[in-house]
PDB file of N, CA and C in Angstrom:
ATOM      1  N   UNK A   1    -126.648   7.270 -27.926  1.00  0.00           N
ATOM      2  CA  UNK A   1    -126.716   8.068 -27.020  1.00  0.00           C
ATOM      3  C   UNK A   1    -125.975   9.650 -28.146  1.00  0.00           C
ATOM      4  N   UNK A   2    -126.609  10.248 -27.791  1.00  0.00           N
ATOM      5  CA  UNK A   2    -126.345  11.439 -28.388  1.00  0.00           C
ATOM      6  C   UNK A   2    -125.263  12.145 -27.125  1.00  0.00           C
ATOM      7  N   UNK A   3    -123.505  12.679 -27.862  1.00  0.00           N
ATOM      8  CA  UNK A   3    -123.089  13.232 -26.570  1.00  0.00           C
ATOM      9  C   UNK A   3    -122.684  14.602 -26.959  1.00  0.00           C
ATOM     10  N   UNK A   4    -122.967  14.746 -28.248  1.00  0.00           N
ATOM     11  CA  UNK A   4    -122.555  16.926 -28.651  1.00  0.00           C
ATOM     12  C   UNK A   4    -124.178  16.983 -28.574  1.00  0.00           C
ATOM     13  N   UNK A   5    -124.202  18.321 -28.541  1.00  0.00           N
ATOM     14  CA  UNK A   5    -125.366  19.047 -28.766  1.00  0.00           C
ATOM     15  C   UNK A   5    -124.958  20.243 -28.855  1.00  0.00           C
ATOM     16  N   UNK A   6    -126.281  20.871 -30.009  1.00  0.00           N
ATOM     17  CA  UNK A   6    -125.973  22.104 -30.614  1.00  0.00           C
ATOM     18  C   UNK A   6    -127.351  23.058 -30.387  1.00  0.00           C
ATOM     19  N   UNK A   7    -126.979  23.922 -29.395  1.00  0.00           N
ATOM     20  CA  UNK A   7    -128.752  24.882 -29.495  1.00  0.00           C
ATOM     21  C   UNK A   7    -129.048  25.476 -30.449  1.00  0.00           C
ATOM     22  N   UNK A   8    -130.313  25.680 -31.264  1.00  0.00           N
ATOM     23  CA  UNK A   8    -130.633  26.153 -32.297  1.00  0.00           C
ATOM     24  C   UNK A   8    -131.857  26.727 -31.731  1.00  0.00           C
ATOM     25  N   UNK A   9    -131.790  27.589 -31.219  1.00  0.00           N
ATOM     26  CA  UNK A   9    -132.756  28.871 -31.192  1.00  0.00           C
ATOM     27  C   UNK A   9    -133.318  29.236 -32.000  1.00  0.00           C
ATOM     28  N   UNK A  10    -134.707  29.418 -31.963  1.00  0.00           N
ATOM     29  CA  UNK A  10    -135.405  30.395 -32.933  1.00  0.00           C
ATOM     30  C   UNK A  10    -134.470  31.978 -33.511  1.00  0.00           C
ATOM     31  N   UNK A  11    -134.201  32.461 -34.274  1.00  0.00           N
ATOM     32  CA  UNK A  11    -133.519  33.209 -34.364  1.00  0.00           C
ATOM     33  C   UNK A  11    -134.523  35.128 -34.437  1.00  0.00           C
ATOM     34  N   UNK A  12    -134.691  35.247 -32.858  1.00  0.00           N
ATOM     35  CA  UNK A  12    -135.839  36.531 -33.094  1.00  0.00           C
ATOM     36  C   UNK A  12    -135.509  38.201 -32.901  1.00  0.00           C
ATOM     37  N   UNK A  13    -133.476  38.006 -33.669  1.00  0.00           N
ATOM     38  CA  UNK A  13    -133.390  38.981 -33.686  1.00  0.00           C
ATOM     39  C   UNK A  13    -133.463  40.403 -34.191  1.00  0.00           C
ATOM     40  N   UNK A  14    -134.844  40.042 -34.997  1.00  0.00           N
ATOM     41  CA  UNK A  14    -135.411  40.913 -35.984  1.00  0.00           C
ATOM     42  C   UNK A  14    -136.681  41.193 -35.306  1.00  0.00           C
ATOM     43  N   UNK A  15    -137.091  40.552 -34.102  1.00  0.00           N
ATOM     44  CA  UNK A  15    -138.300  41.092 -33.492  1.00  0.00           C
ATOM     45  C   UNK A  15    -138.103  42.136 -32.445  1.00  0.00           C
ATOM     46  N   UNK A  16    -138.999  43.167 -32.167  1.00  0.00           N
ATOM     47  CA  UNK A  16    -138.667  44.534 -30.964  1.00  0.00           C
ATOM     48  C   UNK A  16    -139.500  44.259 -30.970  1.00  0.00           C
ATOM     49  N   UNK A  17    -139.849  44.087 -29.404  1.00  0.00           N
ATOM     50  CA  UNK A  17    -140.817  44.170 -27.877  1.00  0.00           C
ATOM     51  C   UNK A  17    -141.611  45.430 -27.901  1.00  0.00           C
ATOM     52  N   UNK A  18    -142.851  45.345 -28.115  1.00  0.00           N
ATOM     53  CA  UNK A  18    -143.447  46.878 -28.080  1.00  0.00           C
ATOM     54  C   UNK A  18    -143.559  47.324 -26.451  1.00  0.00           C
ATOM     55  N   UNK A  19    -143.019  48.786 -26.280  1.00  0.00           N
ATOM     56  CA  UNK A  19    -143.028  49.192 -24.935  1.00  0.00           C
ATOM     57  C   UNK A  19    -144.522  49.345 -24.429  1.00  0.00           C
ATOM     58  N   UNK A  20    -145.417  48.887 -24.741  1.00  0.00           N
ATOM     59  CA  UNK A  20    -146.714  47.913 -24.367  1.00  0.00           C
ATOM     60  C   UNK A  20    -146.032  46.887 -23.418  1.00  0.00           C
ATOM     61  N   UNK A  21    -145.330  46.313 -23.596  1.00  0.00           N
ATOM     62  CA  UNK A  21    -145.703  44.736 -23.237  1.00  0.00           C
ATOM     63  C   UNK A  21    -144.141  44.742 -22.091  1.00  0.00           C
ATOM     64  N   UNK A  22    -143.586  45.596 -21.670  1.00  0.00           N
ATOM     65  CA  UNK A  22    -142.825  45.991 -20.682  1.00  0.00           C
ATOM     66  C   UNK A  22    -143.059  45.532 -19.474  1.00  0.00           C
ATOM     67  N   UNK A  23    -144.388  45.990 -19.303  1.00  0.00           N
ATOM     68  CA  UNK A  23    -144.695  45.681 -17.868  1.00  0.00           C
ATOM     69  C   UNK A  23    -144.818  43.641 -17.920  1.00  0.00           C
ATOM     70  N   UNK A  24    -145.125  43.437 -18.852  1.00  0.00           N
ATOM     71  CA  UNK A  24    -145.395  42.151 -18.656  1.00  0.00           C
ATOM     72  C   UNK A  24    -144.121  41.345 -19.154  1.00  0.00           C
ATOM     73  N   UNK A  25    -143.119  42.121 -19.632  1.00  0.00           N
ATOM     74  CA  UNK A  25    -141.836  41.311 -19.389  1.00  0.00           C
ATOM     75  C   UNK A  25    -140.925  41.179 -18.341  1.00  0.00           C
ATOM     76  N   UNK A  26    -141.819  42.271 -17.166  1.00  0.00           N
ATOM     77  CA  UNK A  26    -140.922  42.521 -15.384  1.00  0.00           C
ATOM     78  C   UNK A  26    -142.192  41.667 -14.937  1.00  0.00           C
ATOM     79  N   UNK A  27    -143.279  41.226 -15.117  1.00  0.00           N
ATOM     80  CA  UNK A  27    -144.030  40.304 -14.523  1.00  0.00           C
ATOM     81  C   UNK A  27    -143.502  38.738 -14.799  1.00  0.00           C
ATOM     82  N   UNK A  28    -142.546  38.534 -16.207  1.00  0.00           N
ATOM     83  CA  UNK A  28    -142.692  37.331 -16.457  1.00  0.00           C
ATOM     84  C   UNK A  28    -141.831  37.005 -15.818  1.00  0.00           C
ATOM     85  N   UNK A  29    -140.523  37.850 -15.655  1.00  0.00           N
ATOM     86  CA  UNK A  29    -138.934  38.025 -15.455  1.00  0.00           C
ATOM     87  C   UNK A  29    -139.163  37.656 -13.577  1.00  0.00           C
ATOM     88  N   UNK A  30    -139.949  38.105 -12.978  1.00  0.00           N
ATOM     89  CA  UNK A  30    -140.014  37.769 -11.436  1.00  0.00           C
ATOM     90  C   UNK A  30    -140.684  36.545 -11.244  1.00  0.00           C
ATOM     91  N   UNK A  31    -141.689  36.514 -12.272  1.00  0.00           N
ATOM     92  CA  UNK A  31    -141.756  34.873 -12.018  1.00  0.00           C
ATOM     93  C   UNK A  31    -140.883  33.917 -12.466  1.00  0.00           C
ATOM     94  N   UNK A  32    -140.249  34.037 -13.526  1.00  0.00           N
ATOM     95  CA  UNK A  32    -139.247  33.355 -13.350  1.00  0.00           C
ATOM     96  C   UNK A  32    -138.186  33.041 -12.496  1.00  0.00           C
ATOM     97  N   UNK A  33    -137.971  34.352 -11.592  1.00  0.00           N
ATOM     98  CA  UNK A  33    -136.864  34.687 -10.372  1.00  0.00           C
ATOM     99  C   UNK A  33    -137.700  33.343  -9.742  1.00  0.00           C
ATOM    100  N   UNK A  34    -138.986  33.601  -9.217  1.00  0.00           N
ATOM    101  CA  UNK A  34    -139.729  32.848  -7.765  1.00  0.00           C
ATOM    102  C   UNK A  34    -139.674  31.637  -8.566  1.00  0.00           C
ATOM    103  N   UNK A  35    -140.061  31.150  -9.982  1.00  0.00           N
ATOM    104  CA  UNK A  35    -140.049  29.831  -9.617  1.00  0.00           C
ATOM    105  C   UNK A  35    -138.319  28.942  -9.705  1.00  0.00           C
ATOM    106  N   UNK A  36    -137.274  29.539 -10.002  1.00  0.00           N
ATOM    107  CA  UNK A  36    -136.306  29.455  -9.864  1.00  0.00           C
ATOM    108  C   UNK A  36    -135.374  29.123  -8.307  1.00  0.00           C
ATOM    109  N   UNK A  37    -136.399  30.267  -7.566  1.00  0.00           N
ATOM    110  CA  UNK A  37    -136.183  30.332  -6.150  1.00  0.00           C
ATOM    111  C   UNK A  37    -137.130  29.661  -5.062  1.00  0.00           C
ATOM    112  N   UNK A  38    -137.956  28.720  -5.713  1.00  0.00           N
ATOM    113  CA  UNK A  38    -138.947  27.975  -5.291  1.00  0.00           C
ATOM    114  C   UNK A  38    -138.042  26.391  -5.262  1.00  0.00           C
ATOM    115  N   UNK A  39    -137.711  26.412  -6.607  1.00  0.00           N
ATOM    116  CA  UNK A  39    -137.636  24.990  -7.034  1.00  0.00           C
ATOM    117  C   UNK A  39    -135.546  25.083  -5.425  1.00  0.00           C
ATOM    118  N   UNK A  40    -134.812  25.816  -5.829  1.00  0.00           N
ATOM    119  CA  UNK A  40    -134.275  26.103  -5.624  1.00  0.00           C
ATOM    120  C   UNK A  40    -134.379  25.581  -3.720  1.00  0.00           C
ATOM    121  N   UNK A  41    -134.924  26.514  -2.960  1.00  0.00           N
ATOM    122  CA  UNK A  41    -135.443  26.143  -1.474  1.00  0.00           C
ATOM    123  C   UNK A  41    -135.934  24.603  -1.969  1.00  0.00           C
ATOM    124  N   UNK A  42    -136.826  23.822  -2.701  1.00  0.00           N
ATOM    125  CA  UNK A  42    -137.331  23.017  -2.530  1.00  0.00           C
ATOM    126  C   UNK A  42    -136.190  21.679  -2.276  1.00  0.00           C
ATOM    127  N   UNK A  43    -134.944  22.022  -3.082  1.00  0.00           N
ATOM    128  CA  UNK A  43    -133.579  21.321  -3.155  1.00  0.00           C
ATOM    129  C   UNK A  43    -133.299  21.673  -1.748  1.00  0.00           C
ATOM    130  N   UNK A  44    -133.789  22.734  -0.665  1.00  0.00           N
ATOM    131  CA  UNK A  44    -132.450  22.811   0.443  1.00  0.00           C
ATOM    132  C   UNK A  44    -132.026  24.003   0.630  1.00  0.00           C
ATOM    133  N   UNK A  45    -131.677  24.449  -0.336  1.00  0.00           N
ATOM    134  CA  UNK A  45    -131.242  25.917  -0.422  1.00  0.00           C
ATOM    135  C   UNK A  45    -131.720  26.956   0.346  1.00  0.00           C
ATOM    136  N   UNK A  46    -130.656  27.738   0.915  1.00  0.00           N
ATOM    137  CA  UNK A  46    -131.404  29.042   1.738  1.00  0.00           C
ATOM    138  C   UNK A  46    -130.622  30.163   1.303  1.00  0.00           C
ATOM    139  N   UNK A  47    -130.923  31.132   2.361  1.00  0.00           N
ATOM    140  CA  UNK A  47    -130.240  32.383   1.579  1.00  0.00           C
ATOM    141  C   UNK A  47    -128.436  32.195   2.089  1.00  0.00           C
ATOM    142  N   UNK A  48    -127.817  33.096   1.532  1.00  0.00           N
ATOM    143  CA  UNK A  48    -125.999  33.072   2.538  1.00  0.00           C
ATOM    144  C   UNK A  48    -125.443  34.250   1.352  1.00  0.00           C
ATOM    145  N   UNK A  49    -124.463  34.942   2.241  1.00  0.00           N
ATOM    146  CA  UNK A  49    -124.015  36.298   1.663  1.00  0.00           C
ATOM    147  C   UNK A  49    -123.290  36.108   0.341  1.00  0.00           C
ATOM    148  N   UNK A  50    -123.275  34.780  -0.002  1.00  0.00           N
ATOM    149  CA  UNK A  50    -122.064  33.735  -1.123  1.00  0.00           C
ATOM    150  C   UNK A  50    -122.685  32.881  -1.291  1.00  0.00           C
ATOM    151  N   UNK A  51    -122.492  32.834  -2.562  1.00  0.00           N
ATOM    152  CA  UNK A  51    -123.255  31.321  -3.034  1.00  0.00           C
ATOM    153  C   UNK A  51    -121.837  29.911  -2.365  1.00  0.00           C
ATOM    154  N   UNK A  52    -122.822  28.924  -2.004  1.00  0.00           N
ATOM    155  CA  UNK A  52    -121.755  28.545  -1.223  1.00  0.00           C
ATOM    156  C   UNK A  52    -122.339  27.164  -1.393  1.00  0.00           C
ATOM    157  N   UNK A  53    -122.165  25.864  -3.027  1.00  0.00           N
ATOM    158  CA  UNK A  53    -122.484  25.011  -3.339  1.00  0.00           C
ATOM    159  C   UNK A  53    -122.729  23.796  -1.734  1.00  0.00           C
ATOM    160  N   UNK A  54    -121.372  23.768  -1.031  1.00  0.00           N
ATOM    161  CA  UNK A  54    -121.907  23.148  -0.263  1.00  0.00           C
ATOM    162  C   UNK A  54    -122.309  23.027   0.691  1.00  0.00           C
ATOM    163  N   UNK A  55    -122.950  23.551   1.328  1.00  0.00           N
ATOM    164  CA  UNK A  55    -123.795  24.808   2.594  1.00  0.00           C
ATOM    165  C   UNK A  55    -125.232  24.579   1.981  1.00  0.00           C
ATOM    166  N   UNK A  56    -125.170  24.857   0.073  1.00  0.00           N
ATOM    167  CA  UNK A  56    -126.568  25.261  -0.429  1.00  0.00           C
ATOM    168  C   UNK A  56    -127.147  26.397   0.013  1.00  0.00           C
ATOM    169  N   UNK A  57    -126.344  27.575  -0.233  1.00  0.00           N
ATOM    170  CA  UNK A  57    -126.559  29.635   0.187  1.00  0.00           C
ATOM    171  C   UNK A  57    -126.407  29.326  -0.674  1.00  0.00           C
ATOM    172  N   UNK A  58    -127.698  30.381  -1.191  1.00  0.00           N
ATOM    173  CA  UNK A  58    -127.297  31.033  -2.583  1.00  0.00           C
ATOM    174  C   UNK A  58    -127.295  33.151  -1.770  1.00  0.00           C
ATOM    175  N   UNK A  59    -127.132  34.103  -1.889  1.00  0.00           N
ATOM    176  CA  UNK A  59    -126.838  35.457  -2.306  1.00  0.00           C
ATOM    177  C   UNK A  59    -128.224  35.554  -3.160  1.00  0.00           C
ATOM    178  N   UNK A  60    -128.706  34.838  -4.046  1.00  0.00           N
ATOM    179  CA  UNK A  60    -130.071  35.858  -4.880  1.00  0.00           C
ATOM    180  C   UNK A  60    -131.609  34.826  -4.129  1.00  0.00           C
ATOM    181  N   UNK A  61    -131.740  34.216  -3.448  1.00  0.00           N
ATOM    182  CA  UNK A  61    -132.674  33.635  -2.752  1.00  0.00           C
ATOM    183  C   UNK A  61    -133.556  34.948  -1.930  1.00  0.00           C
ATOM    184  N   UNK A  62    -133.835  35.692  -2.446  1.00  0.00           N
ATOM    185  CA  UNK A  62    -134.416  37.550  -2.186  1.00  0.00           C
ATOM    186  C   UNK A  62    -135.562  37.327  -3.041  1.00  0.00           C
ATOM    187  N   UNK A  63    -136.344  38.790  -2.431  1.00  0.00           N
ATOM    188  CA  UNK A  63    -137.456  38.710  -3.712  1.00  0.00           C
ATOM    189  C   UNK A  63    -137.496  38.993  -5.159  1.00  0.00           C
ATOM    190  N   UNK A  64    -137.820  38.920  -6.025  1.00  0.00           N
ATOM    191  CA  UNK A  64    -137.246  39.659  -7.094  1.00  0.00           C
ATOM    192  C   UNK A  64    -136.905  41.221  -7.055  1.00  0.00           C
ATOM    193  N   UNK A  65    -137.426  42.176  -6.761  1.00  0.00           N
ATOM    194  CA  UNK A  65    -137.134  43.547  -5.921  1.00  0.00           C
ATOM    195  C   UNK A  65    -136.276  43.692  -5.666  1.00  0.00           C
ATOM    196  N   UNK A  66    -135.539  43.114  -4.655  1.00  0.00           N
ATOM    197  CA  UNK A  66    -134.367  42.429  -3.964  1.00  0.00           C
ATOM    198  C   UNK A  66    -133.008  42.504  -4.526  1.00  0.00           C
ATOM    199  N   UNK A  67    -133.413  41.860  -5.758  1.00  0.00           N
ATOM    200  CA  UNK A  67    -131.996  41.823  -5.958  1.00  0.00           C
ATOM    201  C   UNK A  67    -131.391  42.430  -7.130  1.00  0.00           C
ATOM    202  N   UNK A  68    -130.242  42.163  -7.102  1.00  0.00           N
ATOM    203  CA  UNK A  68    -129.036  43.772  -8.193  1.00  0.00           C
ATOM    204  C   UNK A  68    -129.607  43.641  -9.391  1.00  0.00           C
ATOM    205  N   UNK A  69    -129.487  44.484  -9.426  1.00  0.00           N
ATOM    206  CA  UNK A  69    -130.216  45.106 -11.191  1.00  0.00           C
ATOM    207  C   UNK A  69    -129.387  43.860 -11.964  1.00  0.00           C
ATOM    208  N   UNK A  70    -128.445  43.403 -12.080  1.00  0.00           N
ATOM    209  CA  UNK A  70    -127.505  42.144 -12.852  1.00  0.00           C
ATOM    210  C   UNK A  70    -128.439  41.150 -13.024  1.00  0.00           C
ATOM    211  N   UNK A  71    -128.543  41.035 -11.853  1.00  0.00           N
ATOM    212  CA  UNK A  71    -129.899  39.197 -11.603  1.00  0.00           C
ATOM    213  C   UNK A  71    -130.955  40.212 -12.654  1.00  0.00           C
ATOM    214  N   UNK A  72    -131.534  40.547 -12.299  1.00  0.00           N
ATOM    215  CA  UNK A  72    -132.708  41.516 -12.688  1.00  0.00           C
ATOM    216  C   UNK A  72    -132.124  41.333 -14.211  1.00  0.00           C
ATOM    217  N   UNK A  73    -131.498  42.013 -14.733  1.00  0.00           N
ATOM    218  CA  UNK A  73    -131.892  41.685 -16.620  1.00  0.00           C
ATOM    219  C   UNK A  73    -131.255  40.230 -16.729  1.00  0.00           C
ATOM    220  N   UNK A  74    -131.002  39.414 -15.648  1.00  0.00           N
ATOM    221  CA  UNK A  74    -130.817  37.738 -16.195  1.00  0.00           C
ATOM    222  C   UNK A  74    -132.127  37.664 -16.374  1.00  0.00           C
ATOM    223  N   UNK A  75    -132.956  37.575 -15.719  1.00  0.00           N
ATOM    224  CA  UNK A  75    -134.431  37.011 -15.878  1.00  0.00           C
ATOM    225  C   UNK A  75    -135.137  38.207 -17.031  1.00  0.00           C
ATOM    226  N   UNK A  76    -134.559  39.108 -17.230  1.00  0.00           N
ATOM    227  CA  UNK A  76    -135.714  39.725 -18.110  1.00  0.00           C
ATOM    228  C   UNK A  76    -135.604  39.508 -19.534  1.00  0.00           C
ATOM    229  N   UNK A  77    -133.694  39.065 -19.498  1.00  0.00           N
ATOM    230  CA  UNK A  77    -133.697  38.957 -20.829  1.00  0.00           C
ATOM    231  C   UNK A  77    -134.370  37.160 -21.112  1.00  0.00           C
ATOM    232  N   UNK A  78    -134.541  36.314 -20.221  1.00  0.00           N
ATOM    233  CA  UNK A  78    -135.860  35.138 -19.957  1.00  0.00           C
ATOM    234  C   UNK A  78    -136.647  35.819 -20.906  1.00  0.00           C
ATOM    235  N   UNK A  79    -137.609  36.103 -20.084  1.00  0.00           N
ATOM    236  CA  UNK A  79    -138.702  36.601 -20.212  1.00  0.00           C
ATOM    237  C   UNK A  79    -138.907  38.107 -21.234  1.00  0.00           C
ATOM    238  N   UNK A  80    -137.723  38.080 -22.047  1.00  0.00           N
ATOM    239  CA  UNK A  80    -137.567  39.376 -23.141  1.00  0.00           C
ATOM    240  C   UNK A  80    -137.851  38.373 -24.785  1.00  0.00           C
ATOM    241  N   UNK A  81    -137.186  37.392 -24.589  1.00  0.00           N
ATOM    242  CA  UNK A  81    -136.959  36.024 -25.253  1.00  0.00           C
ATOM    243  C   UNK A  81    -137.742  35.412 -25.787  1.00  0.00           C
ATOM    244  N   UNK A  82    -138.759  34.628 -24.748  1.00  0.00           N
ATOM    245  CA  UNK A  82    -140.120  34.748 -24.355  1.00  0.00           C
ATOM    246  C   UNK A  82    -140.739  35.351 -25.273  1.00  0.00           C
ATOM    247  N   UNK A  83    -141.058  36.472 -24.880  1.00  0.00           N
ATOM    248  CA  UNK A  83    -142.019  37.331 -25.813  1.00  0.00           C
ATOM    249  C   UNK A  83    -141.556  37.233 -26.942  1.00  0.00           C
ATOM    250  N   UNK A  84    -140.228  37.442 -27.735  1.00  0.00           N
ATOM    251  CA  UNK A  84    -139.365  38.131 -28.512  1.00  0.00           C
ATOM    252  C   UNK A  84    -140.373  36.404 -29.983  1.00  0.00           C
ATOM    253  N   UNK A  85    -140.391  34.875 -29.556  1.00  0.00           N
ATOM    254  CA  UNK A  85    -140.735  34.371 -29.681  1.00  0.00           C
ATOM    255  C   UNK A  85    -141.827  34.044 -30.070  1.00  0.00           C
ATOM    256  N   UNK A  86    -142.877  34.211 -28.989  1.00  0.00           N
ATOM    257  CA  UNK A  86    -144.882  34.872 -28.994  1.00  0.00           C
ATOM    258  C   UNK A  86    -144.624  35.220 -30.004  1.00  0.00           C
ATOM    259  N   UNK A  87    -143.821  36.548 -30.500  1.00  0.00           N
ATOM    260  CA  UNK A  87    -144.290  36.961 -31.188  1.00  0.00           C
ATOM    261  C   UNK A  87    -143.986  36.596 -32.689  1.00  0.00           C
ATOM    262  N   UNK A  88    -142.351  36.800 -33.119  1.00  0.00           N
ATOM    263  CA  UNK A  88    -142.289  35.678 -34.486  1.00  0.00           C
ATOM    264  C   UNK A  88    -142.791  34.783 -34.544  1.00  0.00           C
ATOM    265  N   UNK A  89    -143.543  33.859 -33.597  1.00  0.00           N
ATOM    266  CA  UNK A  89    -144.167  32.982 -33.730  1.00  0.00           C
ATOM    267  C   UNK A  89    -145.858  33.079 -34.598  1.00  0.00           C
ATOM    268  N   UNK A  90    -145.968  34.493 -34.389  1.00  0.00           N
ATOM    269  CA  UNK A  90    -147.524  35.054 -34.999  1.00  0.00           C
ATOM    270  C   UNK A  90    -148.378  35.374 -34.196  1.00  0.00           C
ATOM    271  N   UNK A  91    -148.139  34.875 -33.121  1.00  0.00           N
ATOM    272  CA  UNK A  91    -149.243  34.863 -31.948  1.00  0.00           C
ATOM    273  C   UNK A  91    -149.686  36.094 -31.205  1.00  0.00           C
ATOM    274  N   UNK A  92    -150.748  36.687 -30.872  1.00  0.00           N
ATOM    275  CA  UNK A  92    -150.462  38.361 -30.875  1.00  0.00           C
ATOM    276  C   UNK A  92    -151.302  37.752 -28.643  1.00  0.00           C
ATOM    277  N   UNK A  93    -150.748  39.193 -27.952  1.00  0.00           N
ATOM    278  CA  UNK A  93    -150.523  38.840 -27.020  1.00  0.00           C
ATOM    279  C   UNK A  93    -152.075  40.330 -26.530  1.00  0.00           C
ATOM    280  N   UNK A  94    -152.663  39.494 -25.822  1.00  0.00           N
ATOM    281  CA  UNK A  94    -154.347  40.462 -25.521  1.00  0.00           C
ATOM    282  C   UNK A  94    -154.657  40.292 -24.238  1.00  0.00           C
ATOM    283  N   UNK A  95    -154.499  41.814 -23.832  1.00  0.00           N
ATOM    284  CA  UNK A  95    -155.160  41.501 -21.799  1.00  0.00           C
ATOM    285  C   UNK A  95    -156.405  41.099 -21.694  1.00  0.00           C
ATOM    286  N   UNK A  96    -156.815  41.072 -21.579  1.00  0.00           N
ATOM    287  CA  UNK A  96    -158.211  39.890 -21.082  1.00  0.00           C
ATOM    288  C   UNK A  96    -158.923  40.594 -19.608  1.00  0.00           C
TER     289      UNK A  96
END
């Protein structure tokens, strides 16, 4: 069994997301949050004013729109890296 792990993400630093993708980035970010929240809820977590692992309470168990901007940025970063990878791999995004 390998005991060390060295992440090797695809270098997307040269990729710029077109402005017309920003609404999609926001939709992906909201979906990332909803998936995270659903997983936590299914594990028995509930909303709490502060994170409390013992009580399974988390302040981010709220709709995406109600998150602090700093938390939204975390989800946007995930969405942005996903879009950059899609572009870097040569795929095109079209709206049907």
